[in-house]
Amino acid sequence: MAVLCLVFGIVLALGQAVVARHRAAGGADLAALAAADHWARGGTAACARADRVARAQGVRLVRCVLTGQVSDVTAASGRGPFAAEVRARAGPATDVRAPGDQPPGVPAPDAPPTGVPAPVSR
């Protein structure tokens, strides 16, 4: 019976650690998205929004850095041995490349589409 109680205690402790990590990850993701969404208002306003979102998710914002439109935040959840700290980044979905630096097989953005017949005027 004592062994069963010990195993149950270990499983419960591991479960607490997993929950803390998932809570921190979700809070960090949402805070990073909030900061990236408010980048035009400046780093202070964007990080203030990220902090409000993190607190609403039940996590603490540990770090918030805004570089252009990309936000980089770290959020923490839990206390003591069950504490978890997770980093998340968010920014625009566009891929910024130097001119002429397209991957093989991908046409340049200003190139006409291939395989599409030209319109015929009558």
PDB file of N, CA and C in Angstrom:
ATOM      1  N   MET A   1       0.811  -1.189   0.000  1.00  0.00           N
ATOM      2  CA  MET A   1       0.000   0.000   0.000  1.00  0.00           C
ATOM      3  C   MET A   1       0.861   1.263   0.000  1.00  0.00           C
ATOM      4  N   ALA A   2       1.966   1.234   0.741  1.00  0.00           N
ATOM      5  CA  ALA A   2       2.859   2.389   0.798  1.00  0.00           C
ATOM      6  C   ALA A   2       3.477   2.660  -0.569  1.00  0.00           C
ATOM      7  N   VAL A   3       3.818   1.589  -1.294  1.00  0.00           N
ATOM      8  CA  VAL A   3       4.403   1.743  -2.630  1.00  0.00           C
ATOM      9  C   VAL A   3       3.391   2.388  -3.571  1.00  0.00           C
ATOM     10  N   LEU A   4       2.150   1.971  -3.481  1.00  0.00           N
ATOM     11  CA  LEU A   4       1.094   2.530  -4.324  1.00  0.00           C
ATOM     12  C   LEU A   4       0.917   4.024  -4.050  1.00  0.00           C
ATOM     13  N   CYS A   5       0.963   4.411  -2.796  1.00  0.00           N
ATOM     14  CA  CYS A   5       0.855   5.832  -2.434  1.00  0.00           C
ATOM     15  C   CYS A   5       2.048   6.623  -2.960  1.00  0.00           C
ATOM     16  N   LEU A   6       3.235   6.042  -2.894  1.00  0.00           N
ATOM     17  CA  LEU A   6       4.432   6.704  -3.403  1.00  0.00           C
ATOM     18  C   LEU A   6       4.336   6.905  -4.912  1.00  0.00           C
ATOM     19  N   VAL A   7       3.925   5.881  -5.640  1.00  0.00           N
ATOM     20  CA  VAL A   7       3.775   5.981  -7.094  1.00  0.00           C
ATOM     21  C   VAL A   7       2.727   7.037  -7.438  1.00  0.00           C
ATOM     22  N   PHE A   8       1.618   7.028  -6.720  1.00  0.00           N
ATOM     23  CA  PHE A   8       0.564   8.008  -6.962  1.00  0.00           C
ATOM     24  C   PHE A   8       1.086   9.426  -6.727  1.00  0.00           C
ATOM     25  N   GLY A   9       1.868   9.627  -5.685  1.00  0.00           N
ATOM     26  CA  GLY A   9       2.445  10.944  -5.393  1.00  0.00           C
ATOM     27  C   GLY A   9       3.388  11.415  -6.485  1.00  0.00           C
ATOM     28  N   ILE A  10       4.199  10.501  -7.013  1.00  0.00           N
ATOM     29  CA  ILE A  10       5.132  10.854  -8.086  1.00  0.00           C
ATOM     30  C   ILE A  10       4.372  11.235  -9.353  1.00  0.00           C
ATOM     31  N   VAL A  11       3.359  10.456  -9.696  1.00  0.00           N
ATOM     32  CA  VAL A  11       2.553  10.753 -10.891  1.00  0.00           C
ATOM     33  C   VAL A  11       1.854  12.102 -10.731  1.00  0.00           C
ATOM     34  N   LEU A  12       1.341  12.377  -9.552  1.00  0.00           N
ATOM     35  CA  LEU A  12       0.678  13.648  -9.292  1.00  0.00           C
ATOM     36  C   LEU A  12       1.658  14.816  -9.434  1.00  0.00           C
ATOM     37  N   ALA A  13       2.870  14.657  -8.923  1.00  0.00           N
ATOM     38  CA  ALA A  13       3.880  15.713  -9.029  1.00  0.00           C
ATOM     39  C   ALA A  13       4.268  15.960 -10.483  1.00  0.00           C
ATOM     40  N   LEU A  14       4.456  14.892 -11.248  1.00  0.00           N
ATOM     41  CA  LEU A  14       4.788  15.052 -12.664  1.00  0.00           C
ATOM     42  C   LEU A  14       3.646  15.733 -13.419  1.00  0.00           C
ATOM     43  N   GLY A  15       2.433  15.391 -13.068  1.00  0.00           N
ATOM     44  CA  GLY A  15       1.277  16.034 -13.692  1.00  0.00           C
ATOM     45  C   GLY A  15       1.248  17.530 -13.418  1.00  0.00           C
ATOM     46  N   GLN A  16       1.579  17.925 -12.190  1.00  0.00           N
ATOM     47  CA  GLN A  16       1.632  19.348 -11.835  1.00  0.00           C
ATOM     48  C   GLN A  16       2.684  20.075 -12.672  1.00  0.00           C
ATOM     49  N   ALA A  17       3.832  19.446 -12.868  1.00  0.00           N
ATOM     50  CA  ALA A  17       4.892  20.061 -13.666  1.00  0.00           C
ATOM     51  C   ALA A  17       4.464  20.220 -15.121  1.00  0.00           C
ATOM     52  N   VAL A  18       3.791  19.226 -15.667  1.00  0.00           N
ATOM     53  CA  VAL A  18       3.326  19.295 -17.058  1.00  0.00           C
ATOM     54  C   VAL A  18       2.281  20.396 -17.215  1.00  0.00           C
ATOM     55  N   VAL A  19       1.370  20.497 -16.271  1.00  0.00           N
ATOM     56  CA  VAL A  19       0.340  21.541 -16.332  1.00  0.00           C
ATOM     57  C   VAL A  19       0.982  22.927 -16.273  1.00  0.00           C
ATOM     58  N   ALA A  20       1.965  23.115 -15.405  1.00  0.00           N
ATOM     59  CA  ALA A  20       2.646  24.408 -15.301  1.00  0.00           C
ATOM     60  C   ALA A  20       3.343  24.760 -16.606  1.00  0.00           C
ATOM     61  N   ARG A  21       3.961  23.777 -17.242  1.00  0.00           N
ATOM     62  CA  ARG A  21       4.651  24.037 -18.497  1.00  0.00           C
ATOM     63  C   ARG A  21       3.677  24.393 -19.612  1.00  0.00           C
ATOM     64  N   HIS A  22       2.567  23.681 -19.701  1.00  0.00           N
ATOM     65  CA  HIS A  22       1.570  23.977 -20.733  1.00  0.00           C
ATOM     66  C   HIS A  22       0.925  25.344 -20.499  1.00  0.00           C
ATOM     67  N   ARG A  23       0.674  25.675 -19.255  1.00  0.00           N
ATOM     68  CA  ARG A  23       0.102  26.987 -18.950  1.00  0.00           C
ATOM     69  C   ARG A  23       1.086  28.085 -19.342  1.00  0.00           C
ATOM     70  N   ALA A  24       2.364  27.910 -19.028  1.00  0.00           N
ATOM     71  CA  ALA A  24       3.371  28.907 -19.394  1.00  0.00           C
ATOM     72  C   ALA A  24       3.499  29.022 -20.908  1.00  0.00           C
ATOM     73  N   ALA A  25       3.445  27.904 -21.620  1.00  0.00           N
ATOM     74  CA  ALA A  25       3.570  27.934 -23.082  1.00  0.00           C
ATOM     75  C   ALA A  25       2.390  28.661 -23.719  1.00  0.00           C
ATOM     76  N   GLY A  26       1.189  28.364 -23.265  1.00  0.00           N
ATOM     77  CA  GLY A  26       0.013  29.042 -23.809  1.00  0.00           C
ATOM     78  C   GLY A  26       0.035  30.531 -23.525  1.00  0.00           C
ATOM     79  N   GLY A  27       0.401  30.894 -22.308  1.00  0.00           N
ATOM     80  CA  GLY A  27       0.490  32.308 -21.952  1.00  0.00           C
ATOM     81  C   GLY A  27       1.569  33.031 -22.732  1.00  0.00           C
ATOM     82  N   ALA A  28       2.715  32.387 -22.929  1.00  0.00           N
ATOM     83  CA  ALA A  28       3.800  33.004 -23.692  1.00  0.00           C
ATOM     84  C   ALA A  28       3.399  33.193 -25.149  1.00  0.00           C
ATOM     85  N   ASP A  29       2.750  32.199 -25.735  1.00  0.00           N
ATOM     86  CA  ASP A  29       2.304  32.316 -27.129  1.00  0.00           C
ATOM     87  C   ASP A  29       1.333  33.481 -27.299  1.00  0.00           C
ATOM     88  N   LEU A  30       0.334  33.549 -26.432  1.00  0.00           N
ATOM     89  CA  LEU A  30      -0.659  34.619 -26.547  1.00  0.00           C
ATOM     90  C   LEU A  30      -0.051  35.989 -26.267  1.00  0.00           C
ATOM     91  N   ALA A  31       0.860  36.074 -25.310  1.00  0.00           N
ATOM     92  CA  ALA A  31       1.511  37.348 -25.009  1.00  0.00           C
ATOM     93  C   ALA A  31       2.382  37.804 -26.177  1.00  0.00           C
ATOM     94  N   ALA A  32       3.086  36.869 -26.810  1.00  0.00           N
ATOM     95  CA  ALA A  32       3.913  37.224 -27.966  1.00  0.00           C
ATOM     96  C   ALA A  32       3.049  37.720 -29.119  1.00  0.00           C
ATOM     97  N   LEU A  33       1.925  37.067 -29.352  1.00  0.00           N
ATOM     98  CA  LEU A  33       1.012  37.516 -30.406  1.00  0.00           C
ATOM     99  C   LEU A  33       0.452  38.900 -30.093  1.00  0.00           C
ATOM    100  N   ALA A  34       0.108  39.150 -28.840  1.00  0.00           N
ATOM    101  CA  ALA A  34      -0.424  40.462 -28.455  1.00  0.00           C
ATOM    102  C   ALA A  34       0.618  41.553 -28.651  1.00  0.00           C
ATOM    103  N   ALA A  35       1.862  41.283 -28.267  1.00  0.00           N
ATOM    104  CA  ALA A  35       2.921  42.278 -28.434  1.00  0.00           C
ATOM    105  C   ALA A  35       3.191  42.536 -29.912  1.00  0.00           C
ATOM    106  N   ALA A  36       3.232  41.485 -30.719  1.00  0.00           N
ATOM    107  CA  ALA A  36       3.480  41.658 -32.151  1.00  0.00           C
ATOM    108  C   ALA A  36       2.336  42.418 -32.809  1.00  0.00           C
ATOM    109  N   ASP A  37       1.124  42.220 -32.319  1.00  0.00           N
ATOM    110  CA  ASP A  37      -0.036  42.911 -32.885  1.00  0.00           C
ATOM    111  C   ASP A  37      -0.004  44.407 -32.574  1.00  0.00           C
ATOM    112  N   HIS A  38       0.645  44.808 -31.492  1.00  0.00           N
ATOM    113  CA  HIS A  38       0.697  46.215 -31.085  1.00  0.00           C
ATOM    114  C   HIS A  38       2.077  46.839 -31.304  1.00  0.00           C
ATOM    115  N   TRP A  39       2.867  46.307 -32.224  1.00  0.00           N
ATOM    116  CA  TRP A  39       4.231  46.798 -32.445  1.00  0.00           C
ATOM    117  C   TRP A  39       4.254  48.264 -32.867  1.00  0.00           C
ATOM    118  N   ALA A  40       3.248  48.720 -33.612  1.00  0.00           N
ATOM    119  CA  ALA A  40       3.253  50.090 -34.129  1.00  0.00           C
ATOM    120  C   ALA A  40       3.123  51.124 -33.011  1.00  0.00           C
ATOM    121  N   ARG A  41       2.628  50.731 -31.854  1.00  0.00           N
ATOM    122  CA  ARG A  41       2.463  51.661 -30.735  1.00  0.00           C
ATOM    123  C   ARG A  41       3.740  51.804 -29.916  1.00  0.00           C
ATOM    124  N   GLY A  42       4.773  51.069 -30.277  1.00  0.00           N
ATOM    125  CA  GLY A  42       6.043  51.148 -29.564  1.00  0.00           C
ATOM    126  C   GLY A  42       6.232  49.980 -28.611  1.00  0.00           C
ATOM    127  N   GLY A  43       7.483  49.780 -28.225  1.00  0.00           N
ATOM    128  CA  GLY A  43       7.828  48.641 -27.387  1.00  0.00           C
ATOM    129  C   GLY A  43       7.180  48.661 -26.018  1.00  0.00           C
ATOM    130  N   THR A  44       7.072  49.844 -25.406  1.00  0.00           N
ATOM    131  CA  THR A  44       6.485  49.927 -24.070  1.00  0.00           C
ATOM    132  C   THR A  44       5.011  49.547 -24.094  1.00  0.00           C
ATOM    133  N   ALA A  45       4.270  50.093 -25.056  1.00  0.00           N
ATOM    134  CA  ALA A  45       2.836  49.782 -25.153  1.00  0.00           C
ATOM    135  C   ALA A  45       2.619  48.323 -25.538  1.00  0.00           C
ATOM    136  N   ALA A  46       3.446  47.816 -26.446  1.00  0.00           N
ATOM    137  CA  ALA A  46       3.299  46.419 -26.882  1.00  0.00           C
ATOM    138  C   ALA A  46       3.583  45.461 -25.731  1.00  0.00           C
ATOM    139  N   CYS A  47       4.615  45.745 -24.955  1.00  0.00           N
ATOM    140  CA  CYS A  47       4.940  44.865 -23.828  1.00  0.00           C
ATOM    141  C   CYS A  47       3.924  45.006 -22.693  1.00  0.00           C
ATOM    142  N   ALA A  48       3.336  46.193 -22.547  1.00  0.00           N
ATOM    143  CA  ALA A  48       2.269  46.354 -21.551  1.00  0.00           C
ATOM    144  C   ALA A  48       1.067  45.500 -21.937  1.00  0.00           C
ATOM    145  N   ARG A  49       0.748  45.463 -23.226  1.00  0.00           N
ATOM    146  CA  ARG A  49      -0.358  44.617 -23.687  1.00  0.00           C
ATOM    147  C   ARG A  49      -0.017  43.148 -23.457  1.00  0.00           C
ATOM    148  N   ALA A  50       1.228  42.766 -23.752  1.00  0.00           N
ATOM    149  CA  ALA A  50       1.651  41.378 -23.532  1.00  0.00           C
ATOM    150  C   ALA A  50       1.535  41.008 -22.055  1.00  0.00           C
ATOM    151  N   ASP A  51       1.885  41.937 -21.168  1.00  0.00           N
ATOM    152  CA  ASP A  51       1.787  41.669 -19.733  1.00  0.00           C
ATOM    153  C   ASP A  51       0.335  41.470 -19.307  1.00  0.00           C
ATOM    154  N   ARG A  52      -0.578  42.290 -19.837  1.00  0.00           N
ATOM    155  CA  ARG A  52      -2.000  42.130 -19.503  1.00  0.00           C
ATOM    156  C   ARG A  52      -2.524  40.780 -19.974  1.00  0.00           C
ATOM    157  N   VAL A  53      -2.135  40.384 -21.179  1.00  0.00           N
ATOM    158  CA  VAL A  53      -2.581  39.093 -21.718  1.00  0.00           C
ATOM    159  C   VAL A  53      -2.002  37.950 -20.889  1.00  0.00           C
ATOM    160  N   ALA A  54      -0.729  38.048 -20.527  1.00  0.00           N
ATOM    161  CA  ALA A  54      -0.094  36.993 -19.725  1.00  0.00           C
ATOM    162  C   ALA A  54      -0.793  36.851 -18.371  1.00  0.00           C
ATOM    163  N   ARG A  55      -1.062  37.984 -17.712  1.00  0.00           N
ATOM    164  CA  ARG A  55      -1.739  37.921 -16.410  1.00  0.00           C
ATOM    165  C   ARG A  55      -3.139  37.335 -16.538  1.00  0.00           C
ATOM    166  N   ALA A  56      -3.821  37.650 -17.641  1.00  0.00           N
ATOM    167  CA  ALA A  56      -5.161  37.083 -17.856  1.00  0.00           C
ATOM    168  C   ALA A  56      -5.101  35.568 -18.027  1.00  0.00           C
ATOM    169  N   GLN A  57      -3.956  35.053 -18.474  1.00  0.00           N
ATOM    170  CA  GLN A  57      -3.777  33.613 -18.642  1.00  0.00           C
ATOM    171  C   GLN A  57      -3.220  32.946 -17.389  1.00  0.00           C
ATOM    172  N   GLY A  58      -2.959  33.729 -16.353  1.00  0.00           N
ATOM    173  CA  GLY A  58      -2.471  33.169 -15.097  1.00  0.00           C
ATOM    174  C   GLY A  58      -0.974  32.907 -15.085  1.00  0.00           C
ATOM    175  N   VAL A  59      -0.212  33.627 -15.927  1.00  0.00           N
ATOM    176  CA  VAL A  59       1.246  33.469 -15.955  1.00  0.00           C
ATOM    177  C   VAL A  59       1.898  34.829 -15.723  1.00  0.00           C
ATOM    178  N   ARG A  60       3.190  34.822 -15.429  1.00  0.00           N
ATOM    179  CA  ARG A  60       3.959  36.043 -15.227  1.00  0.00           C
ATOM    180  C   ARG A  60       4.822  36.303 -16.453  1.00  0.00           C
ATOM    181  N   LEU A  61       4.820  37.541 -16.929  1.00  0.00           N
ATOM    182  CA  LEU A  61       5.689  37.924 -18.037  1.00  0.00           C
ATOM    183  C   LEU A  61       7.067  38.219 -17.462  1.00  0.00           C
ATOM    184  N   VAL A  62       8.057  37.435 -17.854  1.00  0.00           N
ATOM    185  CA  VAL A  62       9.409  37.577 -17.325  1.00  0.00           C
ATOM    186  C   VAL A  62      10.225  38.524 -18.190  1.00  0.00           C
ATOM    187  N   ARG A  63      10.038  38.444 -19.504  1.00  0.00           N
ATOM    188  CA  ARG A  63      10.856  39.222 -20.439  1.00  0.00           C
ATOM    189  C   ARG A  63      10.014  39.557 -21.654  1.00  0.00           C
ATOM    190  N   CYS A  64      10.184  40.764 -22.189  1.00  0.00           N
ATOM    191  CA  CYS A  64       9.489  41.168 -23.412  1.00  0.00           C
ATOM    192  C   CYS A  64      10.411  42.084 -24.201  1.00  0.00           C
ATOM    193  N   VAL A  65      10.735  41.686 -25.422  1.00  0.00           N
ATOM    194  CA  VAL A  65      11.589  42.478 -26.301  1.00  0.00           C
ATOM    195  C   VAL A  65      10.895  42.575 -27.647  1.00  0.00           C
ATOM    196  N   LEU A  66      10.837  43.788 -28.187  1.00  0.00           N
ATOM    197  CA  LEU A  66      10.229  44.008 -29.491  1.00  0.00           C
ATOM    198  C   LEU A  66      11.314  44.504 -30.431  1.00  0.00           C
ATOM    199  N   THR A  67      11.555  43.758 -31.511  1.00  0.00           N
ATOM    200  CA  THR A  67      12.528  44.138 -32.524  1.00  0.00           C
ATOM    201  C   THR A  67      11.781  44.291 -33.837  1.00  0.00           C
ATOM    202  N   GLY A  68      11.511  45.528 -34.219  1.00  0.00           N
ATOM    203  CA  GLY A  68      10.689  45.748 -35.404  1.00  0.00           C
ATOM    204  C   GLY A  68       9.298  45.214 -35.140  1.00  0.00           C
ATOM    205  N   GLN A  69       8.837  44.331 -36.014  1.00  0.00           N
ATOM    206  CA  GLN A  69       7.507  43.743 -35.864  1.00  0.00           C
ATOM    207  C   GLN A  69       7.542  42.404 -35.133  1.00  0.00           C
ATOM    208  N   VAL A  70       8.709  41.969 -34.707  1.00  0.00           N
ATOM    209  CA  VAL A  70       8.857  40.657 -34.067  1.00  0.00           C
ATOM    210  C   VAL A  70       8.956  40.829 -32.555  1.00  0.00           C
ATOM    211  N   SER A  71       8.103  40.104 -31.843  1.00  0.00           N
ATOM    212  CA  SER A  71       8.150  40.142 -30.380  1.00  0.00           C
ATOM    213  C   SER A  71       8.771  38.850 -29.864  1.00  0.00           C
ATOM    214  N   ASP A  72       9.505  38.982 -28.786  1.00  0.00           N
ATOM    215  CA  ASP A  72      10.160  37.839 -28.142  1.00  0.00           C
ATOM    216  C   ASP A  72       9.849  37.940 -26.650  1.00  0.00           C
ATOM    217  N   VAL A  73       9.025  37.033 -26.143  1.00  0.00           N
ATOM    218  CA  VAL A  73       8.616  37.098 -24.740  1.00  0.00           C
ATOM    219  C   VAL A  73       8.947  35.796 -24.022  1.00  0.00           C
ATOM    220  N   THR A  74       9.112  35.909 -22.721  1.00  0.00           N
ATOM    221  CA  THR A  74       9.288  34.750 -21.850  1.00  0.00           C
ATOM    222  C   THR A  74       8.252  34.856 -20.743  1.00  0.00           C
ATOM    223  N   ALA A  75       7.535  33.767 -20.523  1.00  0.00           N
ATOM    224  CA  ALA A  75       6.502  33.727 -19.487  1.00  0.00           C
ATOM    225  C   ALA A  75       6.794  32.579 -18.532  1.00  0.00           C
ATOM    226  N   ALA A  76       6.404  32.758 -17.269  1.00  0.00           N
ATOM    227  CA  ALA A  76       6.628  31.735 -16.245  1.00  0.00           C
ATOM    228  C   ALA A  76       5.312  31.390 -15.569  1.00  0.00           C
ATOM    229  N   SER A  77       5.218  30.139 -15.150  1.00  0.00           N
ATOM    230  CA  SER A  77       4.032  29.651 -14.457  1.00  0.00           C
ATOM    231  C   SER A  77       4.471  28.685 -13.370  1.00  0.00           C
ATOM    232  N   GLY A  78       3.712  28.630 -12.295  1.00  0.00           N
ATOM    233  CA  GLY A  78       4.025  27.704 -11.215  1.00  0.00           C
ATOM    234  C   GLY A  78       5.054  28.274 -10.259  1.00  0.00           C
ATOM    235  N   ARG A  79       5.263  27.564  -9.177  1.00  0.00           N
ATOM    236  CA  ARG A  79       6.225  27.987  -8.158  1.00  0.00           C
ATOM    237  C   ARG A  79       7.010  26.770  -7.669  1.00  0.00           C
ATOM    238  N   GLY A  80       8.169  27.050  -7.110  1.00  0.00           N
ATOM    239  CA  GLY A  80       8.977  25.987  -6.525  1.00  0.00           C
ATOM    240  C   GLY A  80       9.434  24.965  -7.547  1.00  0.00           C
ATOM    241  N   PRO A  81       9.369  23.692  -7.187  1.00  0.00           N
ATOM    242  CA  PRO A  81       9.870  22.657  -8.101  1.00  0.00           C
ATOM    243  C   PRO A  81       8.994  22.475  -9.340  1.00  0.00           C
ATOM    244  N   PHE A  82       7.794  23.067  -9.336  1.00  0.00           N
ATOM    245  CA  PHE A  82       6.891  22.912 -10.474  1.00  0.00           C
ATOM    246  C   PHE A  82       6.886  24.144 -11.366  1.00  0.00           C
ATOM    247  N   ALA A  83       7.851  25.035 -11.204  1.00  0.00           N
ATOM    248  CA  ALA A  83       7.914  26.248 -12.015  1.00  0.00           C
ATOM    249  C   ALA A  83       8.361  25.908 -13.435  1.00  0.00           C
ATOM    250  N   ALA A  84       7.781  26.630 -14.383  1.00  0.00           N
ATOM    251  CA  ALA A  84       8.154  26.449 -15.787  1.00  0.00           C
ATOM    252  C   ALA A  84       8.298  27.821 -16.416  1.00  0.00           C
ATOM    253  N   GLU A  85       9.298  27.968 -17.276  1.00  0.00           N
ATOM    254  CA  GLU A  85       9.539  29.216 -17.988  1.00  0.00           C
ATOM    255  C   GLU A  85       9.645  28.888 -19.469  1.00  0.00           C
ATOM    256  N   VAL A  86       8.851  29.583 -20.305  1.00  0.00           N
ATOM    257  CA  VAL A  86       8.779  29.268 -21.730  1.00  0.00           C
ATOM    258  C   VAL A  86       8.965  30.544 -22.534  1.00  0.00           C
ATOM    259  N   ARG A  87       9.711  30.448 -23.621  1.00  0.00           N
ATOM    260  CA  ARG A  87       9.960  31.579 -24.521  1.00  0.00           C
ATOM    261  C   ARG A  87       9.123  31.407 -25.781  1.00  0.00           C
ATOM    262  N   ALA A  88       8.570  32.516 -26.293  1.00  0.00           N
ATOM    263  CA  ALA A  88       7.787  32.478 -27.529  1.00  0.00           C
ATOM    264  C   ALA A  88       8.108  33.711 -28.363  1.00  0.00           C
ATOM    265  N   ARG A  89       8.031  33.534 -29.677  1.00  0.00           N
ATOM    266  CA  ARG A  89       8.256  34.639 -30.618  1.00  0.00           C
ATOM    267  C   ARG A  89       7.063  34.733 -31.546  1.00  0.00           C
ATOM    268  N   ALA A  90       6.765  35.951 -31.980  1.00  0.00           N
ATOM    269  CA  ALA A  90       5.680  36.161 -32.941  1.00  0.00           C
ATOM    270  C   ALA A  90       6.039  37.352 -33.810  1.00  0.00           C
ATOM    271  N   GLY A  91       5.570  37.304 -35.040  1.00  0.00           N
ATOM    272  CA  GLY A  91       5.824  38.389 -35.981  1.00  0.00           C
ATOM    273  C   GLY A  91       5.062  38.154 -37.259  1.00  0.00           C
ATOM    274  N   PRO A  92       5.373  38.942 -38.271  1.00  0.00           N
ATOM    275  CA  PRO A  92       4.639  38.800 -39.535  1.00  0.00           C
ATOM    276  C   PRO A  92       4.922  37.464 -40.204  1.00  0.00           C
ATOM    277  N   ALA A  93       3.957  37.023 -40.981  1.00  0.00           N
ATOM    278  CA  ALA A  93       4.085  35.729 -41.654  1.00  0.00           C
ATOM    279  C   ALA A  93       4.903  35.820 -42.926  1.00  0.00           C
ATOM    280  N   THR A  94       5.179  37.017 -43.405  1.00  0.00           N
ATOM    281  CA  THR A  94       5.926  37.155 -44.650  1.00  0.00           C
ATOM    282  C   THR A  94       7.381  36.800 -44.436  1.00  0.00           C
ATOM    283  N   ASP A  95       7.962  36.205 -45.453  1.00  0.00           N
ATOM    284  CA  ASP A  95       9.365  35.820 -45.412  1.00  0.00           C
ATOM    285  C   ASP A  95      10.164  36.902 -46.118  1.00  0.00           C
ATOM    286  N   VAL A  96      10.998  37.610 -45.378  1.00  0.00           N
ATOM    287  CA  VAL A  96      11.777  38.694 -45.955  1.00  0.00           C
ATOM    288  C   VAL A  96      13.078  38.121 -46.485  1.00  0.00           C
ATOM    289  N   ARG A  97      13.291  38.269 -47.783  1.00  0.00           N
ATOM    290  CA  ARG A  97      14.516  37.780 -48.417  1.00  0.00           C
ATOM    291  C   ARG A  97      15.146  38.899 -49.232  1.00  0.00           C
ATOM    292  N   ALA A  98      16.421  38.773 -49.454  1.00  0.00           N
ATOM    293  CA  ALA A  98      17.113  39.724 -50.312  1.00  0.00           C
ATOM    294  C   ALA A  98      16.666  39.504 -51.753  1.00  0.00           C
ATOM    295  N   PRO A  99      16.679  40.572 -52.593  1.00  0.00           N
ATOM    296  CA  PRO A  99      16.283  40.393 -53.991  1.00  0.00           C
ATOM    297  C   PRO A  99      17.131  39.316 -54.660  1.00  0.00           C
ATOM    298  N   GLY A 100      16.476  38.445 -55.392  1.00  0.00           N
ATOM    299  CA  GLY A 100      17.176  37.370 -56.091  1.00  0.00           C
ATOM    300  C   GLY A 100      17.514  36.188 -55.208  1.00  0.00           C
ATOM    301  N   ASP A 101      17.106  36.203 -53.955  1.00  0.00           N
ATOM    302  CA  ASP A 101      17.431  35.131 -53.013  1.00  0.00           C
ATOM    303  C   ASP A 101      16.226  34.214 -52.811  1.00  0.00           C
ATOM    304  N   GLN A 102      15.628  33.781 -53.910  1.00  0.00           N
ATOM    305  CA  GLN A 102      14.465  32.903 -53.848  1.00  0.00           C
ATOM    306  C   GLN A 102      14.913  31.449 -53.822  1.00  0.00           C
ATOM    307  N   PRO A 103      14.189  30.594 -53.118  1.00  0.00           N
ATOM    308  CA  PRO A 103      14.520  29.169 -53.139  1.00  0.00           C
ATOM    309  C   PRO A 103      14.335  28.609 -54.543  1.00  0.00           C
ATOM    310  N   PRO A 104      15.022  27.521 -54.873  1.00  0.00           N
ATOM    311  CA  PRO A 104      14.887  26.932 -56.200  1.00  0.00           C
ATOM    312  C   PRO A 104      13.439  26.541 -56.480  1.00  0.00           C
ATOM    313  N   GLY A 105      12.985  26.856 -57.689  1.00  0.00           N
ATOM    314  CA  GLY A 105      11.639  26.477 -58.103  1.00  0.00           C
ATOM    315  C   GLY A 105      10.559  27.454 -57.693  1.00  0.00           C
ATOM    316  N   VAL A 106      10.919  28.512 -56.971  1.00  0.00           N
ATOM    317  CA  VAL A 106       9.931  29.510 -56.564  1.00  0.00           C
ATOM    318  C   VAL A 106      10.187  30.776 -57.365  1.00  0.00           C
ATOM    319  N   PRO A 107       9.190  31.241 -58.135  1.00  0.00           N
ATOM    320  CA  PRO A 107       9.403  32.448 -58.931  1.00  0.00           C
ATOM    321  C   PRO A 107       9.519  33.678 -58.041  1.00  0.00           C
ATOM    322  N   ALA A 108      10.196  34.681 -58.542  1.00  0.00           N
ATOM    323  CA  ALA A 108      10.316  35.943 -57.822  1.00  0.00           C
ATOM    324  C   ALA A 108       8.929  36.556 -57.666  1.00  0.00           C
ATOM    325  N   PRO A 109       8.708  37.368 -56.624  1.00  0.00           N
ATOM    326  CA  PRO A 109       7.376  37.924 -56.398  1.00  0.00           C
ATOM    327  C   PRO A 109       6.848  38.749 -57.564  1.00  0.00           C
ATOM    328  N   ASP A 110       7.737  39.425 -58.312  1.00  0.00           N
ATOM    329  CA  ASP A 110       7.280  40.258 -59.418  1.00  0.00           C
ATOM    330  C   ASP A 110       7.260  39.515 -60.752  1.00  0.00           C
ATOM    331  N   ALA A 111       7.597  38.231 -60.757  1.00  0.00           N
ATOM    332  CA  ALA A 111       7.606  37.454 -61.997  1.00  0.00           C
ATOM    333  C   ALA A 111       6.174  37.100 -62.396  1.00  0.00           C
ATOM    334  N   PRO A 112       5.904  37.085 -63.708  1.00  0.00           N
ATOM    335  CA  PRO A 112       4.559  36.702 -64.141  1.00  0.00           C
ATOM    336  C   PRO A 112       4.316  35.230 -63.839  1.00  0.00           C
ATOM    337  N   PRO A 113       3.065  34.849 -63.604  1.00  0.00           N
ATOM    338  CA  PRO A 113       2.778  33.441 -63.326  1.00  0.00           C
ATOM    339  C   PRO A 113       3.111  32.572 -64.525  1.00  0.00           C
ATOM    340  N   THR A 114       3.588  31.372 -64.245  1.00  0.00           N
ATOM    341  CA  THR A 114       3.921  30.448 -65.327  1.00  0.00           C
ATOM    342  C   THR A 114       2.814  29.432 -65.486  1.00  0.00           C
ATOM    343  N   GLY A 115       2.664  28.927 -66.698  1.00  0.00           N
ATOM    344  CA  GLY A 115       1.675  27.890 -66.944  1.00  0.00           C
ATOM    345  C   GLY A 115       0.271  28.425 -67.136  1.00  0.00           C
ATOM    346  N   VAL A 116       0.113  29.740 -67.112  1.00  0.00           N
ATOM    347  CA  VAL A 116      -1.205  30.338 -67.321  1.00  0.00           C
ATOM    348  C   VAL A 116      -1.198  30.997 -68.689  1.00  0.00           C
ATOM    349  N   PRO A 117      -2.110  30.612 -69.574  1.00  0.00           N
ATOM    350  CA  PRO A 117      -2.113  31.213 -70.903  1.00  0.00           C
ATOM    351  C   PRO A 117      -2.454  32.697 -70.833  1.00  0.00           C
ATOM    352  N   ALA A 118      -1.835  33.449 -71.727  1.00  0.00           N
ATOM    353  CA  ALA A 118      -2.101  34.883 -71.793  1.00  0.00           C
ATOM    354  C   ALA A 118      -3.511  35.108 -72.321  1.00  0.00           C
ATOM    355  N   PRO A 119      -4.187  36.146 -71.853  1.00  0.00           N
ATOM    356  CA  PRO A 119      -5.538  36.410 -72.350  1.00  0.00           C
ATOM    357  C   PRO A 119      -5.503  36.783 -73.826  1.00  0.00           C
ATOM    358  N   VAL A 120      -6.493  36.328 -74.539  1.00  0.00           N
ATOM    359  CA  VAL A 120      -6.590  36.603 -75.973  1.00  0.00           C
ATOM    360  C   VAL A 120      -7.668  37.654 -76.163  1.00  0.00           C
ATOM    361  N   SER A 121      -7.295  38.748 -76.855  1.00  0.00           N
ATOM    362  CA  SER A 121      -8.293  39.783 -77.124  1.00  0.00           C
ATOM    363  C   SER A 121      -8.942  39.516 -78.465  1.00  0.00           C
ATOM    364  N   ARG A 122     -10.229  39.752 -78.565  1.00  0.00           N
ATOM    365  CA  ARG A 122     -10.960  39.501 -79.817  1.00  0.00           C
ATOM    366  C   ARG A 122     -11.551  40.753 -80.341  1.00  0.00           C
TER     367      ARG A 122
END
